[in-house]
C-alpha cells in the first residue's frame, strides 16, 4: 500500500510540473505592448529561480547550467547569422 501512495504522489507531482511548464510556455508567448526594464527584471528573476530549481533537481551546479545556456545562446546566434542572406 505504501508503494502505491509514493507512486501516486510522484506521478501527481510530475504531472503538475508538466502542466506548470505548459503555463510557462503560454506566459512566455505573451509580449507586453510597451516593453520596459521591469519586464526584463521579472524574466531574470524567473530565470534565476528556474536555475536554482534545475540545479536542485539535477544535481548539476548552477554555474554549469549557466554555461550551457550561454553556449546555446552563442549557437543560436551563429545559426541565425549563417542563415541571413549574403549580399
PDB file of N, CA and C in Angstrom:
ATOM      1  N   UNK A   1       0.828  -1.209   0.000  1.00  0.00           N
ATOM      2  CA  UNK A   1       0.000   0.000   0.000  1.00  0.00           C
ATOM      3  C   UNK A   1       0.866   1.265   0.000  1.00  0.00           C
ATOM      4  N   UNK A   2       1.935   1.234   0.773  1.00  0.00           N
ATOM      5  CA  UNK A   2       2.803   2.406   0.872  1.00  0.00           C
ATOM      6  C   UNK A   2       3.427   2.737  -0.482  1.00  0.00           C
ATOM      7  N   UNK A   3       3.853   1.740  -1.242  1.00  0.00           N
ATOM      8  CA  UNK A   3       4.438   1.972  -2.562  1.00  0.00           C
ATOM      9  C   UNK A   3       3.450   2.639  -3.503  1.00  0.00           C
ATOM     10  N   UNK A   4       2.176   2.270  -3.401  1.00  0.00           N
ATOM     11  CA  UNK A   4       1.140   2.884  -4.229  1.00  0.00           C
ATOM     12  C   UNK A   4       1.004   4.362  -3.901  1.00  0.00           C
ATOM     13  N   UNK A   5       1.059   4.706  -2.617  1.00  0.00           N
ATOM     14  CA  UNK A   5       0.958   6.109  -2.203  1.00  0.00           C
ATOM     15  C   UNK A   5       2.137   6.916  -2.733  1.00  0.00           C
ATOM     16  N   UNK A   6       3.319   6.344  -2.665  1.00  0.00           N
ATOM     17  CA  UNK A   6       4.513   7.030  -3.167  1.00  0.00           C
ATOM     18  C   UNK A   6       4.409   7.212  -4.676  1.00  0.00           C
ATOM     19  N   UNK A   7       3.997   6.177  -5.368  1.00  0.00           N
ATOM     20  CA  UNK A   7       3.867   6.241  -6.830  1.00  0.00           C
ATOM     21  C   UNK A   7       2.841   7.292  -7.237  1.00  0.00           C
ATOM     22  N   UNK A   8       1.718   7.329  -6.524  1.00  0.00           N
ATOM     23  CA  UNK A   8       0.678   8.320  -6.816  1.00  0.00           C
ATOM     24  C   UNK A   8       1.202   9.735  -6.578  1.00  0.00           C
ATOM     25  N   UNK A   9       1.885   9.951  -5.458  1.00  0.00           N
ATOM     26  CA  UNK A   9       2.433  11.271  -5.142  1.00  0.00           C
ATOM     27  C   UNK A   9       3.467  11.686  -6.194  1.00  0.00           C
ATOM     28  N   UNK A  10       4.315  10.747  -6.587  1.00  0.00           N
ATOM     29  CA  UNK A  10       5.335  11.012  -7.602  1.00  0.00           C
ATOM     30  C   UNK A  10       4.689  11.368  -8.939  1.00  0.00           C
ATOM     31  N   UNK A  11       3.732  10.558  -9.367  1.00  0.00           N
ATOM     32  CA  UNK A  11       3.049  10.804 -10.643  1.00  0.00           C
ATOM     33  C   UNK A  11       2.293  12.126 -10.631  1.00  0.00           C
ATOM     34  N   UNK A  12       1.651  12.446  -9.510  1.00  0.00           N
ATOM     35  CA  UNK A  12       0.925  13.721  -9.402  1.00  0.00           C
ATOM     36  C   UNK A  12       1.877  14.902  -9.488  1.00  0.00           C
ATOM     37  N   UNK A  13       3.005  14.809  -8.803  1.00  0.00           N
ATOM     38  CA  UNK A  13       3.987  15.903  -8.839  1.00  0.00           C
ATOM     39  C   UNK A  13       4.528  16.081 -10.251  1.00  0.00           C
ATOM     40  N   UNK A  14       4.821  14.964 -10.920  1.00  0.00           N
ATOM     41  CA  UNK A  14       5.326  15.021 -12.294  1.00  0.00           C
ATOM     42  C   UNK A  14       4.316  15.668 -13.238  1.00  0.00           C
ATOM     43  N   UNK A  15       3.067  15.268 -13.116  1.00  0.00           N
ATOM     44  CA  UNK A  15       2.012  15.830 -13.972  1.00  0.00           C
ATOM     45  C   UNK A  15       1.835  17.320 -13.693  1.00  0.00           C
ATOM     46  N   UNK A  16       1.890  17.704 -12.417  1.00  0.00           N
ATOM     47  CA  UNK A  16       1.759  19.119 -12.064  1.00  0.00           C
ATOM     48  C   UNK A  16       2.906  19.936 -12.646  1.00  0.00           C
ATOM     49  N   UNK A  17       4.125  19.409 -12.589  1.00  0.00           N
ATOM     50  CA  UNK A  17       5.281  20.109 -13.149  1.00  0.00           C
ATOM     51  C   UNK A  17       5.109  20.275 -14.653  1.00  0.00           C
ATOM     52  N   UNK A  18       4.659  19.228 -15.336  1.00  0.00           N
ATOM     53  CA  UNK A  18       4.429  19.315 -16.783  1.00  0.00           C
ATOM     54  C   UNK A  18       3.392  20.385 -17.098  1.00  0.00           C
ATOM     55  N   UNK A  19       2.328  20.450 -16.317  1.00  0.00           N
ATOM     56  CA  UNK A  19       1.306  21.482 -16.535  1.00  0.00           C
ATOM     57  C   UNK A  19       1.850  22.875 -16.254  1.00  0.00           C
ATOM     58  N   UNK A  20       2.664  23.007 -15.217  1.00  0.00           N
ATOM     59  CA  UNK A  20       3.273  24.300 -14.923  1.00  0.00           C
ATOM     60  C   UNK A  20       4.183  24.747 -16.063  1.00  0.00           C
ATOM     61  N   UNK A  21       4.932  23.818 -16.628  1.00  0.00           N
ATOM     62  CA  UNK A  21       5.798  24.153 -17.773  1.00  0.00           C
ATOM     63  C   UNK A  21       4.969  24.627 -18.961  1.00  0.00           C
ATOM     64  N   UNK A  22       3.804  24.030 -19.151  1.00  0.00           N
ATOM     65  CA  UNK A  22       2.894  24.491 -20.193  1.00  0.00           C
ATOM     66  C   UNK A  22       2.445  25.916 -19.947  1.00  0.00           C
ATOM     67  N   UNK A  23       2.171  26.228 -18.695  1.00  0.00           N
ATOM     68  CA  UNK A  23       1.796  27.609 -18.347  1.00  0.00           C
ATOM     69  C   UNK A  23       2.937  28.569 -18.635  1.00  0.00           C
ATOM     70  N   UNK A  24       4.159  28.126 -18.330  1.00  0.00           N
ATOM     71  CA  UNK A  24       5.314  28.967 -18.638  1.00  0.00           C
ATOM     72  C   UNK A  24       5.379  29.265 -20.130  1.00  0.00           C
ATOM     73  N   UNK A  25       5.184  28.237 -20.949  1.00  0.00           N
ATOM     74  CA  UNK A  25       5.184  28.440 -22.402  1.00  0.00           C
ATOM     75  C   UNK A  25       4.156  29.485 -22.801  1.00  0.00           C
ATOM     76  N   UNK A  26       2.995  29.378 -22.226  1.00  0.00           N
ATOM     77  CA  UNK A  26       1.904  30.313 -22.528  1.00  0.00           C
ATOM     78  C   UNK A  26       2.300  31.738 -22.124  1.00  0.00           C
ATOM     79  N   UNK A  27       2.838  31.889 -20.940  1.00  0.00           N
ATOM     80  CA  UNK A  27       3.239  33.214 -20.454  1.00  0.00           C
ATOM     81  C   UNK A  27       4.374  33.787 -21.293  1.00  0.00           C
ATOM     82  N   UNK A  28       5.323  32.938 -21.699  1.00  0.00           N
ATOM     83  CA  UNK A  28       6.446  33.410 -22.499  1.00  0.00           C
ATOM     84  C   UNK A  28       6.035  33.816 -23.907  1.00  0.00           C
ATOM     85  N   UNK A  29       4.914  33.307 -24.372  1.00  0.00           N
ATOM     86  CA  UNK A  29       4.454  33.671 -25.716  1.00  0.00           C
ATOM     87  C   UNK A  29       3.815  35.056 -25.743  1.00  0.00           C
ATOM     88  N   UNK A  30       3.483  35.587 -24.577  1.00  0.00           N
ATOM     89  CA  UNK A  30       2.886  36.922 -24.495  1.00  0.00           C
ATOM     90  C   UNK A  30       3.977  37.980 -24.593  1.00  0.00           C
ATOM     91  N   UNK A  31       3.685  39.055 -25.300  1.00  0.00           N
ATOM     92  CA  UNK A  31       4.604  40.192 -25.406  1.00  0.00           C
ATOM     93  C   UNK A  31       3.899  41.436 -24.892  1.00  0.00           C
ATOM     94  N   UNK A  32       4.526  42.148 -23.959  1.00  0.00           N
ATOM     95  CA  UNK A  32       3.919  43.391 -23.477  1.00  0.00           C
ATOM     96  C   UNK A  32       3.837  44.422 -24.595  1.00  0.00           C
ATOM     97  N   UNK A  33       2.815  45.269 -24.541  1.00  0.00           N
ATOM     98  CA  UNK A  33       2.669  46.324 -25.546  1.00  0.00           C
ATOM     99  C   UNK A  33       3.847  47.294 -25.507  1.00  0.00           C
ATOM    100  N   UNK A  34       4.223  47.706 -24.304  1.00  0.00           N
ATOM    101  CA  UNK A  34       5.347  48.623 -24.138  1.00  0.00           C
ATOM    102  C   UNK A  34       6.362  47.964 -23.220  1.00  0.00           C
ATOM    103  N   UNK A  35       7.399  47.409 -23.812  1.00  0.00           N
ATOM    104  CA  UNK A  35       8.431  46.706 -23.074  1.00  0.00           C
ATOM    105  C   UNK A  35       9.225  47.683 -22.217  1.00  0.00           C
ATOM    106  N   UNK A  36       9.510  47.289 -20.971  1.00  0.00           N
ATOM    107  CA  UNK A  36      10.332  48.131 -20.102  1.00  0.00           C
ATOM    108  C   UNK A  36      11.263  47.248 -19.277  1.00  0.00           C
ATOM    109  N   UNK A  37      12.163  47.878 -18.516  1.00  0.00           N
ATOM    110  CA  UNK A  37      13.156  47.136 -17.742  1.00  0.00           C
ATOM    111  C   UNK A  37      12.512  46.275 -16.671  1.00  0.00           C
ATOM    112  N   UNK A  38      11.333  46.614 -16.218  1.00  0.00           N
ATOM    113  CA  UNK A  38      10.625  45.790 -15.241  1.00  0.00           C
ATOM    114  C   UNK A  38      10.312  44.413 -15.806  1.00  0.00           C
ATOM    115  N   UNK A  39       9.940  44.373 -17.081  1.00  0.00           N
ATOM    116  CA  UNK A  39       9.657  43.090 -17.732  1.00  0.00           C
ATOM    117  C   UNK A  39      10.920  42.219 -17.776  1.00  0.00           C
ATOM    118  N   UNK A  40      12.050  42.831 -18.138  1.00  0.00           N
ATOM    119  CA  UNK A  40      13.316  42.098 -18.190  1.00  0.00           C
ATOM    120  C   UNK A  40      13.699  41.613 -16.793  1.00  0.00           C
ATOM    121  N   UNK A  41      13.491  42.447 -15.796  1.00  0.00           N
ATOM    122  CA  UNK A  41      13.799  42.068 -14.418  1.00  0.00           C
ATOM    123  C   UNK A  41      12.956  40.898 -13.938  1.00  0.00           C
ATOM    124  N   UNK A  42      11.686  40.913 -14.297  1.00  0.00           N
ATOM    125  CA  UNK A  42      10.799  39.812 -13.929  1.00  0.00           C
ATOM    126  C   UNK A  42      11.277  38.505 -14.542  1.00  0.00           C
ATOM    127  N   UNK A  43      11.598  38.537 -15.848  1.00  0.00           N
ATOM    128  CA  UNK A  43      12.063  37.316 -16.505  1.00  0.00           C
ATOM    129  C   UNK A  43      13.404  36.853 -15.934  1.00  0.00           C
ATOM    130  N   UNK A  44      14.278  37.785 -15.585  1.00  0.00           N
ATOM    131  CA  UNK A  44      15.560  37.394 -14.996  1.00  0.00           C
ATOM    132  C   UNK A  44      15.381  36.774 -13.608  1.00  0.00           C
ATOM    133  N   UNK A  45      14.411  37.236 -12.849  1.00  0.00           N
ATOM    134  CA  UNK A  45      14.100  36.625 -11.547  1.00  0.00           C
ATOM    135  C   UNK A  45      13.583  35.206 -11.750  1.00  0.00           C
ATOM    136  N   UNK A  46      12.687  35.024 -12.704  1.00  0.00           N
ATOM    137  CA  UNK A  46      12.152  33.694 -13.007  1.00  0.00           C
ATOM    138  C   UNK A  46      13.284  32.776 -13.463  1.00  0.00           C
ATOM    139  N   UNK A  47      14.171  33.292 -14.336  1.00  0.00           N
ATOM    140  CA  UNK A  47      15.307  32.504 -14.817  1.00  0.00           C
ATOM    141  C   UNK A  47      16.186  32.072 -13.650  1.00  0.00           C
ATOM    142  N   UNK A  48      16.461  32.967 -12.735  1.00  0.00           N
ATOM    143  CA  UNK A  48      17.275  32.656 -11.566  1.00  0.00           C
ATOM    144  C   UNK A  48      16.633  31.555 -10.720  1.00  0.00           C
ATOM    145  N   UNK A  49      15.328  31.677 -10.504  1.00  0.00           N
ATOM    146  CA  UNK A  49      14.613  30.660  -9.726  1.00  0.00           C
ATOM    147  C   UNK A  49      14.620  29.310 -10.439  1.00  0.00           C
ATOM    148  N   UNK A  50      14.475  29.329 -11.763  1.00  0.00           N
ATOM    149  CA  UNK A  50      14.500  28.085 -12.532  1.00  0.00           C
ATOM    150  C   UNK A  50      15.890  27.447 -12.523  1.00  0.00           C
ATOM    151  N   UNK A  51      16.930  28.264 -12.600  1.00  0.00           N
ATOM    152  CA  UNK A  51      18.293  27.744 -12.493  1.00  0.00           C
ATOM    153  C   UNK A  51      18.501  27.034 -11.159  1.00  0.00           C
ATOM    154  N   UNK A  52      18.061  27.685 -10.105  1.00  0.00           N
ATOM    155  CA  UNK A  52      18.190  27.100  -8.762  1.00  0.00           C
ATOM    156  C   UNK A  52      17.416  25.789  -8.675  1.00  0.00           C
ATOM    157  N   UNK A  53      16.210  25.777  -9.212  1.00  0.00           N
ATOM    158  CA  UNK A  53      15.364  24.591  -9.161  1.00  0.00           C
ATOM    159  C   UNK A  53      15.965  23.455  -9.986  1.00  0.00           C
ATOM    160  N   UNK A  54      16.438  23.762 -11.202  1.00  0.00           N
ATOM    161  CA  UNK A  54      17.030  22.732 -12.049  1.00  0.00           C
ATOM    162  C   UNK A  54      18.300  22.176 -11.416  1.00  0.00           C
ATOM    163  N   UNK A  55      19.095  23.034 -10.805  1.00  0.00           N
ATOM    164  CA  UNK A  55      20.298  22.594 -10.124  1.00  0.00           C
ATOM    165  C   UNK A  55      19.944  21.639  -8.987  1.00  0.00           C
ATOM    166  N   UNK A  56      18.935  21.983  -8.222  1.00  0.00           N
ATOM    167  CA  UNK A  56      18.463  21.144  -7.118  1.00  0.00           C
ATOM    168  C   UNK A  56      17.983  19.795  -7.637  1.00  0.00           C
ATOM    169  N   UNK A  57      17.208  19.828  -8.709  1.00  0.00           N
ATOM    170  CA  UNK A  57      16.599  18.602  -9.247  1.00  0.00           C
ATOM    171  C   UNK A  57      17.627  17.705  -9.933  1.00  0.00           C
ATOM    172  N   UNK A  58      18.569  18.298 -10.668  1.00  0.00           N
ATOM    173  CA  UNK A  58      19.504  17.524 -11.480  1.00  0.00           C
ATOM    174  C   UNK A  58      20.797  17.178 -10.750  1.00  0.00           C
ATOM    175  N   UNK A  59      21.150  18.001  -9.774  1.00  0.00           N
ATOM    176  CA  UNK A  59      22.426  17.807  -9.096  1.00  0.00           C
ATOM    177  C   UNK A  59      23.583  18.506  -9.795  1.00  0.00           C
ATOM    178  N   UNK A  60      23.306  19.165 -10.938  1.00  0.00           N
ATOM    179  CA  UNK A  60      24.343  19.921 -11.635  1.00  0.00           C
ATOM    180  C   UNK A  60      24.487  21.297 -10.982  1.00  0.00           C
ATOM    181  N   UNK A  61      25.717  21.788 -10.887  1.00  0.00           N
ATOM    182  CA  UNK A  61      25.908  23.131 -10.322  1.00  0.00           C
ATOM    183  C   UNK A  61      25.252  24.194 -11.214  1.00  0.00           C
ATOM    184  N   UNK A  62      24.753  25.246 -10.594  1.00  0.00           N
ATOM    185  CA  UNK A  62      24.125  26.334 -11.353  1.00  0.00           C
ATOM    186  C   UNK A  62      25.083  26.894 -12.391  1.00  0.00           C
ATOM    187  N   UNK A  63      26.368  26.978 -12.056  1.00  0.00           N
ATOM    188  CA  UNK A  63      27.346  27.547 -12.988  1.00  0.00           C
ATOM    189  C   UNK A  63      27.431  26.714 -14.267  1.00  0.00           C
ATOM    190  N   UNK A  64      27.353  25.394 -14.142  1.00  0.00           N
ATOM    191  CA  UNK A  64      27.385  24.515 -15.325  1.00  0.00           C
ATOM    192  C   UNK A  64      26.158  24.742 -16.198  1.00  0.00           C
ATOM    193  N   UNK A  65      25.023  24.920 -15.564  1.00  0.00           N
ATOM    194  CA  UNK A  65      23.782  25.162 -16.317  1.00  0.00           C
ATOM    195  C   UNK A  65      23.867  26.509 -17.022  1.00  0.00           C
ATOM    196  N   UNK A  66      24.401  27.518 -16.329  1.00  0.00           N
ATOM    197  CA  UNK A  66      24.566  28.844 -16.943  1.00  0.00           C
ATOM    198  C   UNK A  66      25.493  28.765 -18.157  1.00  0.00           C
ATOM    199  N   UNK A  67      26.578  27.985 -18.044  1.00  0.00           N
ATOM    200  CA  UNK A  67      27.497  27.825 -19.173  1.00  0.00           C
ATOM    201  C   UNK A  67      26.794  27.172 -20.357  1.00  0.00           C
ATOM    202  N   UNK A  68      25.964  26.186 -20.081  1.00  0.00           N
ATOM    203  CA  UNK A  68      25.206  25.527 -21.153  1.00  0.00           C
ATOM    204  C   UNK A  68      24.251  26.500 -21.826  1.00  0.00           C
ATOM    205  N   UNK A  69      23.610  27.350 -21.032  1.00  0.00           N
ATOM    206  CA  UNK A  69      22.706  28.356 -21.591  1.00  0.00           C
ATOM    207  C   UNK A  69      23.470  29.327 -22.482  1.00  0.00           C
ATOM    208  N   UNK A  70      24.645  29.731 -22.037  1.00  0.00           N
ATOM    209  CA  UNK A  70      25.464  30.659 -22.824  1.00  0.00           C
ATOM    210  C   UNK A  70      25.886  30.008 -24.139  1.00  0.00           C
ATOM    211  N   UNK A  71      26.295  28.745 -24.084  1.00  0.00           N
ATOM    212  CA  UNK A  71      26.675  28.026 -25.301  1.00  0.00           C
ATOM    213  C   UNK A  71      25.494  27.922 -26.267  1.00  0.00           C
ATOM    214  N   UNK A  72      24.322  27.645 -25.729  1.00  0.00           N
ATOM    215  CA  UNK A  72      23.120  27.541 -26.573  1.00  0.00           C
ATOM    216  C   UNK A  72      22.806  28.891 -27.205  1.00  0.00           C
ATOM    217  N   UNK A  73      23.001  29.967 -26.450  1.00  0.00           N
ATOM    218  CA  UNK A  73      22.744  31.314 -26.964  1.00  0.00           C
ATOM    219  C   UNK A  73      23.724  31.636 -28.089  1.00  0.00           C
ATOM    220  N   UNK A  74      24.990  31.275 -27.902  1.00  0.00           N
ATOM    221  CA  UNK A  74      26.007  31.520 -28.925  1.00  0.00           C
ATOM    222  C   UNK A  74      25.694  30.702 -30.167  1.00  0.00           C
ATOM    223  N   UNK A  75      25.344  29.431 -29.984  1.00  0.00           N
ATOM    224  CA  UNK A  75      24.993  28.571 -31.123  1.00  0.00           C
ATOM    225  C   UNK A  75      23.806  29.132 -31.898  1.00  0.00           C
ATOM    226  N   UNK A  76      22.789  29.584 -31.188  1.00  0.00           N
ATOM    227  CA  UNK A  76      21.600  30.138 -31.844  1.00  0.00           C
ATOM    228  C   UNK A  76      21.962  31.405 -32.606  1.00  0.00           C
ATOM    229  N   UNK A  77      22.816  32.238 -32.018  1.00  0.00           N
ATOM    230  CA  UNK A  77      23.235  33.475 -32.676  1.00  0.00           C
ATOM    231  C   UNK A  77      24.031  33.151 -33.945  1.00  0.00           C
ATOM    232  N   UNK A  78      24.930  32.173 -33.861  1.00  0.00           N
ATOM    233  CA  UNK A  78      25.738  31.777 -35.007  1.00  0.00           C
ATOM    234  C   UNK A  78      24.856  31.208 -36.107  1.00  0.00           C
ATOM    235  N   UNK A  79      23.916  30.366 -35.724  1.00  0.00           N
ATOM    236  CA  UNK A  79      22.990  29.781 -36.706  1.00  0.00           C
ATOM    237  C   UNK A  79      22.172  30.861 -37.405  1.00  0.00           C
ATOM    238  N   UNK A  80      21.686  31.814 -36.624  1.00  0.00           N
ATOM    239  CA  UNK A  80      20.894  32.907 -37.189  1.00  0.00           C
ATOM    240  C   UNK A  80      21.733  33.739 -38.151  1.00  0.00           C
ATOM    241  N   UNK A  81      22.965  33.994 -37.755  1.00  0.00           N
ATOM    242  CA  UNK A  81      23.871  34.777 -38.590  1.00  0.00           C
ATOM    243  C   UNK A  81      24.160  34.051 -39.908  1.00  0.00           C
ATOM    244  N   UNK A  82      24.341  32.733 -39.837  1.00  0.00           N
ATOM    245  CA  UNK A  82      24.634  31.946 -41.046  1.00  0.00           C
ATOM    246  C   UNK A  82      23.441  31.808 -41.965  1.00  0.00           C
ATOM    247  N   UNK A  83      22.227  32.010 -41.455  1.00  0.00           N
ATOM    248  CA  UNK A  83      21.017  31.877 -42.262  1.00  0.00           C
ATOM    249  C   UNK A  83      20.626  33.184 -42.956  1.00  0.00           C
ATOM    250  N   UNK A  84      21.271  34.282 -42.567  1.00  0.00           N
ATOM    251  CA  UNK A  84      20.934  35.569 -43.186  1.00  0.00           C
ATOM    252  C   UNK A  84      21.463  35.587 -44.614  1.00  0.00           C
ATOM    253  N   UNK A  85      20.650  36.144 -45.525  1.00  0.00           N
ATOM    254  CA  UNK A  85      21.091  36.208 -46.921  1.00  0.00           C
ATOM    255  C   UNK A  85      22.348  37.062 -47.051  1.00  0.00           C
ATOM    256  N   UNK A  86      23.249  36.594 -47.864  1.00  0.00           N
ATOM    257  CA  UNK A  86      24.503  37.325 -48.086  1.00  0.00           C
ATOM    258  C   UNK A  86      24.343  38.215 -49.308  1.00  0.00           C
ATOM    259  N   UNK A  87      24.888  39.373 -49.208  1.00  0.00           N
ATOM    260  CA  UNK A  87      24.746  40.192 -50.393  1.00  0.00           C
ATOM    261  C   UNK A  87      25.046  41.554 -50.115  1.00  0.00           C
TER     262      UNK A  87
END
